Amino acid sequence: MLLNAVVYGLLLACPLIGALVRSWLVVALPIVVWPAFYLGLNKGWWLYGTGDGWQRNAWFFTLLGLATTAVSVTAARNLKPPDNYS
């Protein structure tokens, strides 16, 4: 349960940060966050370790995080600010 919550949290956090910051540098965030998360799982630093196929999952979530963060940065940069925004 906790593992699912962390995965969903990371899946939401990276695009949300990308949308708020609106910088292309944030797209690199999933490249750091997901491998660090799976490295910690594999080493037993947090939660209860990894199972078979964890490398595939790490690649999948890293690529998914890259894509969703890039889409959110693109969408946020294309939004027009309100007229009274100075």
N, C-alpha and C. Protein backbone atom coordinates (compact mmCIF):
# COMPACT_ATOMS: atom_id res chain seq x y z
N MET A 1 0.81 -1.19 0.00
CA MET A 1 0.00 0.00 0.00
C MET A 1 0.86 1.26 0.00
N LEU A 2 1.85 1.29 0.88
CA LEU A 2 2.70 2.47 0.96
C LEU A 2 3.51 2.64 -0.32
N LEU A 3 3.95 1.51 -0.88
CA LEU A 3 4.71 1.57 -2.12
C LEU A 3 3.86 2.17 -3.24
N ASN A 4 2.61 1.76 -3.33
CA ASN A 4 1.71 2.33 -4.34
C ASN A 4 1.52 3.82 -4.13
N ALA A 5 1.38 4.24 -2.89
CA ALA A 5 1.20 5.66 -2.60
C ALA A 5 2.42 6.46 -3.01
N VAL A 6 3.60 5.92 -2.78
CA VAL A 6 4.83 6.62 -3.16
C VAL A 6 4.93 6.71 -4.68
N VAL A 7 4.63 5.63 -5.37
CA VAL A 7 4.70 5.63 -6.84
C VAL A 7 3.70 6.64 -7.41
N TYR A 8 2.46 6.62 -6.92
CA TYR A 8 1.47 7.58 -7.41
C TYR A 8 1.88 9.01 -7.07
N GLY A 9 2.44 9.19 -5.90
CA GLY A 9 2.90 10.52 -5.51
C GLY A 9 3.99 11.04 -6.43
N LEU A 10 4.95 10.18 -6.76
CA LEU A 10 6.01 10.59 -7.68
C LEU A 10 5.47 10.83 -9.08
N LEU A 11 4.50 10.00 -9.50
CA LEU A 11 3.91 10.20 -10.83
C LEU A 11 3.18 11.53 -10.93
N LEU A 12 2.64 12.00 -9.83
CA LEU A 12 1.95 13.29 -9.82
C LEU A 12 2.89 14.46 -9.53
N ALA A 13 3.90 14.22 -8.71
CA ALA A 13 4.77 15.31 -8.27
C ALA A 13 5.61 15.89 -9.40
N CYS A 14 6.20 15.03 -10.21
CA CYS A 14 7.09 15.53 -11.27
C CYS A 14 6.35 16.42 -12.27
N PRO A 15 5.21 16.00 -12.82
CA PRO A 15 4.49 16.90 -13.73
C PRO A 15 3.95 18.15 -13.04
N LEU A 16 3.54 18.02 -11.79
CA LEU A 16 3.04 19.19 -11.07
C LEU A 16 4.15 20.22 -10.87
N ILE A 17 5.32 19.76 -10.49
CA ILE A 17 6.46 20.67 -10.34
C ILE A 17 6.80 21.29 -11.69
N GLY A 18 6.75 20.49 -12.74
CA GLY A 18 7.02 21.00 -14.08
C GLY A 18 6.04 22.08 -14.50
N ALA A 19 4.76 21.88 -14.18
CA ALA A 19 3.74 22.87 -14.54
C ALA A 19 3.91 24.15 -13.73
N LEU A 20 4.29 24.01 -12.48
CA LEU A 20 4.44 25.20 -11.63
C LEU A 20 5.71 25.99 -11.97
N VAL A 21 6.79 25.29 -12.25
CA VAL A 21 8.06 25.97 -12.50
C VAL A 21 8.16 26.47 -13.95
N ARG A 22 7.58 25.73 -14.88
CA ARG A 22 7.57 26.08 -16.31
C ARG A 22 8.98 26.18 -16.90
N SER A 23 9.88 25.40 -16.41
CA SER A 23 11.25 25.41 -16.91
C SER A 23 11.59 24.04 -17.48
N TRP A 24 12.33 24.06 -18.59
CA TRP A 24 12.71 22.80 -19.21
C TRP A 24 13.71 22.03 -18.36
N LEU A 25 14.38 22.69 -17.44
CA LEU A 25 15.31 21.98 -16.56
C LEU A 25 14.59 20.98 -15.66
N VAL A 26 13.34 21.23 -15.38
CA VAL A 26 12.56 20.34 -14.51
C VAL A 26 12.31 19.00 -15.18
N VAL A 27 12.41 18.95 -16.50
CA VAL A 27 12.21 17.68 -17.21
C VAL A 27 13.27 16.66 -16.80
N ALA A 28 14.40 17.13 -16.31
CA ALA A 28 15.45 16.22 -15.84
C ALA A 28 15.12 15.62 -14.47
N LEU A 29 14.13 16.15 -13.79
CA LEU A 29 13.77 15.65 -12.46
C LEU A 29 13.45 14.16 -12.44
N PRO A 30 12.63 13.64 -13.36
CA PRO A 30 12.36 12.19 -13.34
C PRO A 30 13.60 11.33 -13.58
N ILE A 31 14.58 11.89 -14.29
CA ILE A 31 15.81 11.13 -14.54
C ILE A 31 16.58 10.91 -13.24
N VAL A 32 16.39 11.79 -12.29
CA VAL A 32 17.05 11.66 -10.99
C VAL A 32 16.16 10.92 -9.99
N VAL A 33 14.89 11.30 -9.95
CA VAL A 33 13.98 10.81 -8.90
C VAL A 33 13.71 9.31 -9.03
N TRP A 34 13.33 8.86 -10.21
CA TRP A 34 12.94 7.44 -10.35
C TRP A 34 14.10 6.48 -10.15
N PRO A 35 15.27 6.71 -10.76
CA PRO A 35 16.38 5.79 -10.46
C PRO A 35 16.79 5.82 -8.99
N ALA A 36 16.74 6.99 -8.36
CA ALA A 36 17.08 7.06 -6.93
C ALA A 36 16.06 6.27 -6.10
N PHE A 37 14.80 6.38 -6.46
CA PHE A 37 13.76 5.63 -5.76
C PHE A 37 13.99 4.13 -5.87
N TYR A 38 14.24 3.65 -7.09
CA TYR A 38 14.45 2.21 -7.27
C TYR A 38 15.78 1.75 -6.72
N LEU A 39 16.79 2.59 -6.74
CA LEU A 39 18.06 2.22 -6.12
C LEU A 39 17.87 2.02 -4.62
N GLY A 40 17.14 2.94 -4.00
CA GLY A 40 16.86 2.80 -2.57
C GLY A 40 16.03 1.57 -2.25
N LEU A 41 15.07 1.27 -3.10
CA LEU A 41 14.28 0.05 -2.90
C LEU A 41 15.15 -1.19 -3.02
N ASN A 42 15.98 -1.22 -4.05
CA ASN A 42 16.81 -2.39 -4.30
C ASN A 42 17.84 -2.60 -3.19
N LYS A 43 18.38 -1.52 -2.65
CA LYS A 43 19.38 -1.62 -1.58
C LYS A 43 18.74 -1.83 -0.21
N GLY A 44 17.41 -1.73 -0.14
CA GLY A 44 16.72 -1.91 1.13
C GLY A 44 16.79 -0.69 2.03
N TRP A 45 17.05 0.48 1.47
CA TRP A 45 17.13 1.69 2.27
C TRP A 45 15.76 2.13 2.76
N TRP A 46 14.72 1.86 1.98
CA TRP A 46 13.36 2.19 2.40
C TRP A 46 12.39 1.16 1.85
N LEU A 47 11.27 1.11 2.48
CA LEU A 47 10.21 0.16 2.17
C LEU A 47 10.75 -1.26 2.22
N TYR A 48 10.34 -2.15 1.34
CA TYR A 48 10.68 -3.56 1.52
C TYR A 48 11.36 -4.19 0.33
N GLY A 49 12.07 -3.43 -0.44
CA GLY A 49 12.87 -3.99 -1.52
C GLY A 49 12.11 -4.13 -2.83
N THR A 50 12.79 -4.73 -3.78
CA THR A 50 12.23 -4.90 -5.12
C THR A 50 12.02 -6.38 -5.41
N GLY A 51 11.23 -6.63 -6.41
CA GLY A 51 11.00 -8.00 -6.85
C GLY A 51 11.62 -8.20 -8.22
N ASP A 52 11.22 -9.27 -8.86
CA ASP A 52 11.72 -9.55 -10.20
C ASP A 52 11.22 -8.48 -11.18
N GLY A 53 12.07 -8.12 -12.09
CA GLY A 53 11.68 -7.16 -13.12
C GLY A 53 11.70 -5.71 -12.67
N TRP A 54 12.39 -5.41 -11.59
CA TRP A 54 12.38 -4.03 -11.10
C TRP A 54 13.08 -3.08 -12.06
N GLN A 55 14.06 -3.59 -12.82
CA GLN A 55 14.76 -2.73 -13.78
C GLN A 55 13.80 -2.25 -14.87
N ARG A 56 12.95 -3.15 -15.33
CA ARG A 56 11.96 -2.78 -16.35
C ARG A 56 11.02 -1.71 -15.81
N ASN A 57 10.58 -1.89 -14.58
CA ASN A 57 9.69 -0.90 -13.97
C ASN A 57 10.39 0.44 -13.79
N ALA A 58 11.66 0.41 -13.41
CA ALA A 58 12.41 1.65 -13.25
C ALA A 58 12.50 2.40 -14.58
N TRP A 59 12.80 1.69 -15.65
CA TRP A 59 12.84 2.32 -16.97
C TRP A 59 11.48 2.86 -17.37
N PHE A 60 10.45 2.06 -17.16
CA PHE A 60 9.10 2.47 -17.54
C PHE A 60 8.68 3.75 -16.83
N PHE A 61 8.85 3.78 -15.52
CA PHE A 61 8.42 4.96 -14.76
C PHE A 61 9.30 6.17 -15.04
N THR A 62 10.57 5.94 -15.32
CA THR A 62 11.44 7.07 -15.70
C THR A 62 10.97 7.68 -17.01
N LEU A 63 10.70 6.84 -18.00
CA LEU A 63 10.23 7.35 -19.29
C LEU A 63 8.84 7.98 -19.18
N LEU A 64 7.97 7.35 -18.40
CA LEU A 64 6.64 7.93 -18.18
C LEU A 64 6.75 9.28 -17.48
N GLY A 65 7.61 9.36 -16.49
CA GLY A 65 7.83 10.63 -15.80
C GLY A 65 8.39 11.70 -16.71
N LEU A 66 9.33 11.32 -17.58
CA LEU A 66 9.87 12.27 -18.55
C LEU A 66 8.77 12.79 -19.47
N ALA A 67 7.96 11.89 -19.98
CA ALA A 67 6.91 12.29 -20.92
C ALA A 67 5.87 13.18 -20.25
N THR A 68 5.39 12.79 -19.09
CA THR A 68 4.35 13.58 -18.44
C THR A 68 4.88 14.93 -17.96
N THR A 69 6.12 14.96 -17.52
CA THR A 69 6.70 16.23 -17.10
C THR A 69 6.91 17.15 -18.29
N ALA A 70 7.37 16.60 -19.41
CA ALA A 70 7.55 17.42 -20.61
C ALA A 70 6.22 17.96 -21.11
N VAL A 71 5.18 17.14 -21.07
CA VAL A 71 3.86 17.61 -21.50
C VAL A 71 3.35 18.71 -20.58
N SER A 72 3.55 18.55 -19.28
CA SER A 72 3.05 19.57 -18.35
C SER A 72 3.83 20.87 -18.47
N VAL A 73 5.14 20.80 -18.71
CA VAL A 73 5.92 22.02 -18.92
C VAL A 73 5.47 22.71 -20.20
N THR A 74 5.27 21.93 -21.25
CA THR A 74 4.81 22.50 -22.53
C THR A 74 3.45 23.16 -22.37
N ALA A 75 2.53 22.48 -21.72
CA ALA A 75 1.19 23.04 -21.52
C ALA A 75 1.25 24.30 -20.67
N ALA A 76 2.03 24.28 -19.62
CA ALA A 76 2.11 25.45 -18.74
C ALA A 76 2.76 26.64 -19.45
N ARG A 77 3.75 26.37 -20.29
CA ARG A 77 4.41 27.47 -21.01
C ARG A 77 3.51 28.05 -22.09
N ASN A 78 2.57 27.27 -22.59
CA ASN A 78 1.67 27.75 -23.63
C ASN A 78 0.42 28.42 -23.09
N LEU A 79 0.21 28.34 -21.79
CA LEU A 79 -0.95 29.00 -21.21
C LEU A 79 -0.75 30.51 -21.20
N LYS A 80 -1.80 31.20 -21.54
CA LYS A 80 -1.74 32.66 -21.52
C LYS A 80 -2.04 33.13 -20.10
N PRO A 81 -1.20 34.00 -19.54
CA PRO A 81 -1.49 34.50 -18.19
C PRO A 81 -2.73 35.39 -18.21
N PRO A 82 -3.39 35.56 -17.08
CA PRO A 82 -4.57 36.44 -17.04
C PRO A 82 -4.21 37.86 -17.45
N ASP A 83 -5.21 38.60 -17.93
CA ASP A 83 -4.97 39.96 -18.42
C ASP A 83 -4.47 40.90 -17.33
N ASN A 84 -4.90 40.70 -16.10
CA ASN A 84 -4.48 41.60 -15.03
C ASN A 84 -3.18 41.15 -14.36
N TYR A 85 -2.53 40.17 -14.93
CA TYR A 85 -1.27 39.66 -14.39
C TYR A 85 -0.13 40.54 -14.86
N SER A 86 0.63 41.08 -13.94
CA SER A 86 1.74 41.96 -14.32
C SER A 86 3.04 41.44 -13.80
